[in-house]
Protein backbone atom coordinates (compact mmCIF):
# COMPACT_ATOMS: atom_id res chain seq x y z
CA MET A 1 135.91 76.70 73.94
CA GLY A 2 135.22 79.31 71.29
CA ASN A 3 132.17 77.41 70.03
CA ALA A 4 130.80 77.19 73.57
CA GLY A 5 131.26 80.93 74.09
CA ALA A 6 129.55 81.67 70.77
CA ALA A 7 126.66 79.40 71.70
CA GLU A 8 126.25 81.10 75.06
CA GLY A 9 126.34 84.51 73.38
CA ALA A 10 123.69 83.46 70.87
CA GLN A 11 121.52 82.09 73.66
CA ALA A 12 121.85 85.34 75.61
CA GLN A 13 120.93 87.31 72.49
CA ARG A 14 117.83 85.15 71.92
CA SER A 15 116.86 85.55 75.55
CA MET A 16 117.18 89.33 75.31
CA VAL A 17 115.05 89.47 72.16
CA SER A 18 112.45 87.19 73.75
CA GLY A 19 112.35 89.34 76.87
CA ARG A 20 111.82 92.50 74.83
CA ALA A 21 109.07 90.81 72.85
CA PHE A 22 107.36 89.81 76.10
CA LEU A 23 107.50 93.33 77.50
CA GLY A 24 106.31 94.86 74.25
CA THR A 25 103.44 92.40 73.88
CA SER A 26 102.39 92.90 77.50
CA ALA A 27 102.41 96.69 77.11
CA LEU A 28 100.37 96.53 73.90
CA LEU A 29 97.88 94.13 75.49
CA PHE A 30 97.49 96.43 78.49
CA LEU A 31 96.94 99.48 76.29
CA ALA A 32 94.45 97.64 74.08
CA CYS A 33 92.45 96.27 77.03
CA THR A 34 92.48 99.69 78.70
CA ALA A 35 91.23 101.39 75.53
CA VAL A 36 88.44 98.84 75.08
CA THR A 37 87.44 99.17 78.74
CA ILE A 38 87.27 102.96 78.46
CA ALA A 39 85.20 102.70 75.27
CA TRP A 40 82.86 100.18 76.90
CA SER A 41 82.47 102.40 79.94
CA ALA A 42 81.64 105.39 77.74
CA SER A 43 79.09 103.29 75.86
CA MET A 44 77.41 102.23 79.11
CA SER A 45 77.40 105.82 80.35
CA ALA A 46 75.72 106.95 77.13
CA MET A 47 72.94 104.43 77.75
CA GLY A 48 72.22 106.13 81.07
CA ALA A 49 71.14 104.47 84.30
CA MET A 50 67.84 103.72 85.98
CA PRO A 51 66.90 105.95 88.95
CA MET A 52 66.03 103.82 91.97
CA PRO A 53 64.28 104.46 95.30
CA GLY A 54 66.84 105.64 97.82
CA GLY A 55 68.44 108.22 95.52
CA TRP A 56 70.83 105.97 93.57
CA THR A 57 70.95 104.72 89.98
CA MET A 58 71.27 101.17 88.64
CA SER A 59 73.74 100.38 85.86
CA MET A 60 72.27 99.03 82.63
CA ALA A 61 74.95 96.32 82.68
CA TRP A 62 72.59 94.16 84.76
CA MET A 63 69.56 94.62 82.50
CA ARG A 64 68.30 93.14 79.27
CA MET A 65 67.63 95.77 76.64
CA CYS A 66 64.95 95.58 73.99
CA GLY A 67 65.74 92.82 71.48
CA GLN A 68 68.40 91.19 73.66
CA THR A 69 68.36 87.70 75.11
CA TRP A 70 69.73 86.81 78.52
CA PRO A 71 72.46 84.58 77.02
CA GLY A 72 73.46 87.51 74.80
CA VAL A 73 73.54 89.92 77.75
CA ALA A 74 75.58 87.43 79.79
CA ALA A 75 78.06 86.90 76.92
CA SER A 76 78.46 90.67 76.47
CA PHE A 77 79.05 91.15 80.18
CA LEU A 78 81.56 88.29 80.30
CA GLY A 79 83.52 89.72 77.39
CA MET A 80 83.59 93.13 79.05
CA TRP A 81 84.56 91.56 82.38
CA VAL A 82 87.52 89.58 81.00
CA VAL A 83 88.89 92.59 79.10
CA MET A 84 88.44 94.79 82.18
CA MET A 85 90.18 92.23 84.43
CA ALA A 86 93.09 91.99 81.99
CA ALA A 87 93.50 95.77 82.07
CA MET A 88 93.24 95.93 85.87
CA MET A 89 95.47 92.96 86.69
CA LEU A 90 98.25 93.25 84.11
CA PRO A 91 100.25 95.90 86.02
CA SER A 92 100.66 93.49 88.96
CA LEU A 93 100.65 90.28 86.89
CA MET A 94 103.47 91.20 84.50
CA PRO A 95 106.28 90.93 87.12
CA MET A 96 105.00 87.47 88.10
CA LEU A 97 104.93 86.34 84.47
CA TRP A 98 108.45 87.70 84.01
CA HIS A 99 109.74 85.66 86.94
CA TYR A 100 107.87 82.62 85.61
CA ARG A 101 109.66 82.97 82.29
CA GLN A 102 113.00 83.16 84.09
CA ALA A 103 112.22 80.09 86.21
CA VAL A 104 111.16 78.02 83.20
CA GLY A 105 114.06 79.33 81.13
CA THR A 106 116.54 77.77 83.54
CA THR A 107 115.20 74.34 82.56
CA GLY A 108 116.33 74.84 78.98
CA ARG A 109 112.79 74.90 77.61
CA THR A 110 112.00 76.83 74.45
CA HIS A 111 108.74 78.47 73.37
CA LEU A 112 108.69 80.54 76.54
CA GLY A 113 106.20 82.89 74.94
CA TRP A 114 103.59 80.17 74.49
CA LEU A 115 104.16 78.79 77.97
CA THR A 116 103.82 82.27 79.47
CA ALA A 117 100.64 82.85 77.46
CA LEU A 118 99.25 79.61 78.88
CA VAL A 119 99.78 80.93 82.41
CA GLY A 120 97.83 84.05 81.42
CA VAL A 121 95.02 81.93 79.96
CA GLY A 122 94.70 79.92 83.16
CA TYR A 123 94.78 83.09 85.24
CA LEU A 124 92.06 84.83 83.20
CA PHE A 125 89.95 81.66 83.14
CA VAL A 126 89.56 81.90 86.91
CA TRP A 127 88.48 85.53 86.57
CA ALA A 128 86.05 84.54 83.79
CA VAL A 129 84.39 81.98 86.08
CA LEU A 130 84.05 84.68 88.71
CA GLY A 131 82.55 86.97 86.05
CA ILE A 132 79.84 84.41 85.26
CA ALA A 133 78.93 84.14 88.94
CA THR A 134 79.05 87.93 89.31
CA PHE A 135 76.64 88.48 86.44
CA ALA A 136 74.18 85.86 87.69
CA LEU A 137 74.17 87.40 91.17
CA GLY A 138 74.05 90.98 89.88
CA ALA A 139 71.17 90.31 87.48
CA ALA A 140 69.20 88.49 90.20
CA LEU A 141 69.71 91.33 92.69
CA ALA A 142 68.76 93.93 90.07
CA ALA A 143 65.50 92.09 89.40
CA LEU A 144 64.72 91.96 93.13
CA GLU A 145 65.53 95.63 93.63
CA MET A 146 63.17 96.63 90.82
CA ARG A 147 60.36 94.56 92.34
CA LEU A 148 60.94 95.50 95.99
CA PRO A 149 61.22 99.26 96.60
CA ALA A 150 62.10 98.70 100.27
CA LEU A 151 65.12 96.64 99.23
CA ALA A 152 66.15 99.30 96.72
CA ARG A 153 65.98 102.01 99.38
CA ALA A 154 68.35 100.00 101.57
CA VAL A 155 71.01 99.71 98.85
CA PRO A 156 73.02 102.87 99.80
CA VAL A 157 73.39 101.67 103.40
CA VAL A 158 74.24 98.13 102.26
CA ALA A 159 76.84 99.52 99.85
CA GLY A 160 78.48 101.42 102.70
CA ALA A 161 78.45 98.27 104.83
CA VAL A 162 80.07 96.29 102.01
CA VAL A 163 82.83 98.88 101.69
CA LEU A 164 83.33 98.86 105.47
CA SER A 165 83.53 95.05 105.50
CA ALA A 166 85.98 95.09 102.59
CA GLY A 167 88.22 97.41 104.59
CA ALA A 168 88.07 95.13 107.62
CA LEU A 169 88.96 92.15 105.39
CA GLN A 170 92.27 93.82 104.57
CA PHE A 171 93.41 93.17 108.17
CA THR A 172 92.60 89.44 108.29
CA ALA A 173 95.01 86.50 108.20
CA TRP A 174 93.03 85.12 105.26
CA LYS A 175 93.82 88.19 103.20
CA ALA A 176 97.47 88.12 104.30
CA HIS A 177 97.81 84.45 103.27
CA HIS A 178 96.41 84.87 99.77
CA LEU A 179 98.28 88.11 99.21
CA ALA A 180 101.54 86.39 100.21
CA CYS A 181 100.80 83.61 97.71
CA CYS A 182 100.16 86.20 95.00
CA ARG A 183 103.52 87.80 95.76
CA GLU A 184 105.47 84.51 95.86
CA MET A 185 107.83 83.81 93.02
CA PRO A 186 107.31 80.56 91.05
CA GLY A 187 108.51 77.57 93.01
CA HIS A 188 108.27 79.02 96.52
CA GLY A 189 105.27 77.29 98.07
CA CYS A 190 101.68 78.39 98.80
CA GLY A 191 100.44 75.16 97.31
CA ARG A 192 102.00 75.82 93.91
CA ARG A 193 104.21 72.98 92.85
CA GLY A 194 105.61 75.27 90.22
CA ASP A 195 109.31 74.62 90.61
CA ALA A 196 111.78 74.20 87.81
CA GLY A 197 111.75 70.42 88.23
CA ALA A 198 108.03 70.27 87.54
CA ALA A 199 108.50 72.40 84.45
CA ARG A 200 110.89 69.80 83.02
CA GLY A 201 108.19 67.13 83.21
CA ASN A 202 105.25 68.73 81.40
CA GLY A 203 105.63 72.37 80.50
CA LEU A 204 102.02 72.82 79.34
CA GLN A 205 100.52 71.24 82.44
CA PHE A 206 102.95 73.17 84.63
CA GLY A 207 102.02 76.50 83.03
CA LEU A 208 98.27 75.93 83.13
CA ARG A 209 98.34 74.72 86.74
CA PHE A 210 100.45 77.68 87.78
CA GLY A 211 98.08 80.12 86.06
CA LEU A 212 94.98 78.56 87.61
CA THR A 213 96.48 78.47 91.10
CA LEU A 214 97.77 82.02 90.84
CA GLY A 215 94.34 83.12 89.61
CA LEU A 216 92.60 81.48 92.57
CA HIS A 217 94.90 83.20 95.07
CA CYS A 218 94.44 86.49 93.23
CA VAL A 219 90.64 86.25 93.27
CA CYS A 220 90.68 85.52 97.00
CA SER A 221 93.16 88.31 97.71
CA CYS A 222 91.14 90.83 95.67
CA ALA A 223 87.72 89.76 96.98
CA GLY A 224 87.19 92.82 99.14
CA LEU A 225 88.50 95.30 96.58
CA MET A 226 86.39 93.78 93.81
CA ALA A 227 83.31 93.92 96.06
CA ILE A 228 83.89 97.66 96.39
CA LEU A 229 84.06 98.01 92.61
CA LEU A 230 80.79 96.14 92.19
CA VAL A 231 78.82 98.17 94.73
CA ILE A 232 80.21 101.53 93.61
CA GLY A 233 79.86 100.86 89.89
CA VAL A 234 81.28 98.02 87.83
CA MET A 235 81.93 100.34 84.87
CA ASP A 236 83.00 103.41 86.87
CA LEU A 237 86.44 104.34 85.51
CA ARG A 238 87.46 106.18 88.68
CA ALA A 239 86.59 103.17 90.83
CA MET A 240 88.45 100.87 88.42
CA ALA A 241 91.55 103.06 88.53
CA ALA A 242 91.48 103.21 92.35
CA VAL A 243 91.06 99.44 92.71
CA THR A 244 93.79 98.80 90.12
CA ALA A 245 96.18 101.09 92.00
CA ALA A 246 95.38 99.39 95.32
CA ILE A 247 95.94 95.90 93.89
CA THR A 248 99.20 96.92 92.22
CA VAL A 249 100.56 98.55 95.39
CA GLU A 250 99.69 95.48 97.46
CA ARG A 251 101.49 93.18 95.05
CA LEU A 252 104.58 95.23 94.31
CA ALA A 253 105.25 97.23 97.50
CA PRO A 254 108.22 96.04 99.61
CA SER A 255 105.80 95.06 102.42
CA GLY A 256 102.54 93.87 100.92
CA GLU A 257 100.82 93.21 104.24
CA CYS A 258 101.54 96.72 105.53
CA ALA A 259 100.31 98.19 102.25
CA ALA A 260 97.12 96.10 102.46
CA ARG A 261 96.44 97.34 105.99
CA ALA A 262 97.04 100.96 105.05
CA ILE A 263 94.63 100.55 102.15
CA GLY A 264 92.18 98.87 104.52
CA ALA A 265 92.26 101.85 106.88
CA VAL A 266 91.41 104.20 104.00
CA ILE A 267 88.59 101.90 102.87
CA ILE A 268 87.11 101.71 106.37
CA GLY A 269 87.04 105.51 106.51
CA ALA A 270 85.30 105.62 103.13
CA GLY A 271 82.78 103.02 104.27
CA LEU A 272 81.91 105.04 107.36
CA ILE A 273 81.42 108.15 105.24
CA LEU A 274 79.14 106.28 102.81
CA ILE A 275 77.01 104.93 105.66
CA ALA A 276 76.76 108.40 107.20
CA LEU A 277 75.72 109.93 103.87
CA ALA A 278 73.17 107.15 103.29
């Protein structure tokens, strides 16, 4: 009886230490990614922007500088994108990872840190794939806008329309579904077979699949908000902070759907103002 109590006490102590290590590592990762993102943004700002017809400026993130190759530009953008996504998503992702650790811990598995890291890798992989598509589309549009002045002049109105559409998206059932899946705890549906029983079978496969699925739901849920970031300025720190706050509130508020709709109403108002100013 005494040995059993001692074993349980030791296990609780190890769990506490592991939990503190997780929180500390997550906080350091967030601070590091935030610092790198701020430095990258300052570097891009120092490079300036290209004035375009219609009274707006184009970010140099979509352009190839002297001596650069397109693969090099794409790799630089992808690195910046992944770091930026880590900084923006960690505030809302950390609670989910914490619950994942708890769910897997009930199966008696060890190496929870590595399994949790694998979830994060799968999650960021989805965002990296989106980053590749984003760069390809952004670079193609930038090239067209430089060649077609009429298209460039229409950009301010189009940007306002994108913001307006993103606000309307906040009220859709599609948004509500993916947001609900982002808020679900491990093992509670939304197409994620991430229950404790599955974790007993293959912990690595379970963690990677959970991270990929969570990432897909997150990308879909954040589609409108990320579209706003892209049209306002992908390296604009104020826009990043606003989008990060909106995503975090949606995920962590007691009623995510109500929060999403309130955010949508604000976005629609901003979209109307942008169209009027354009």
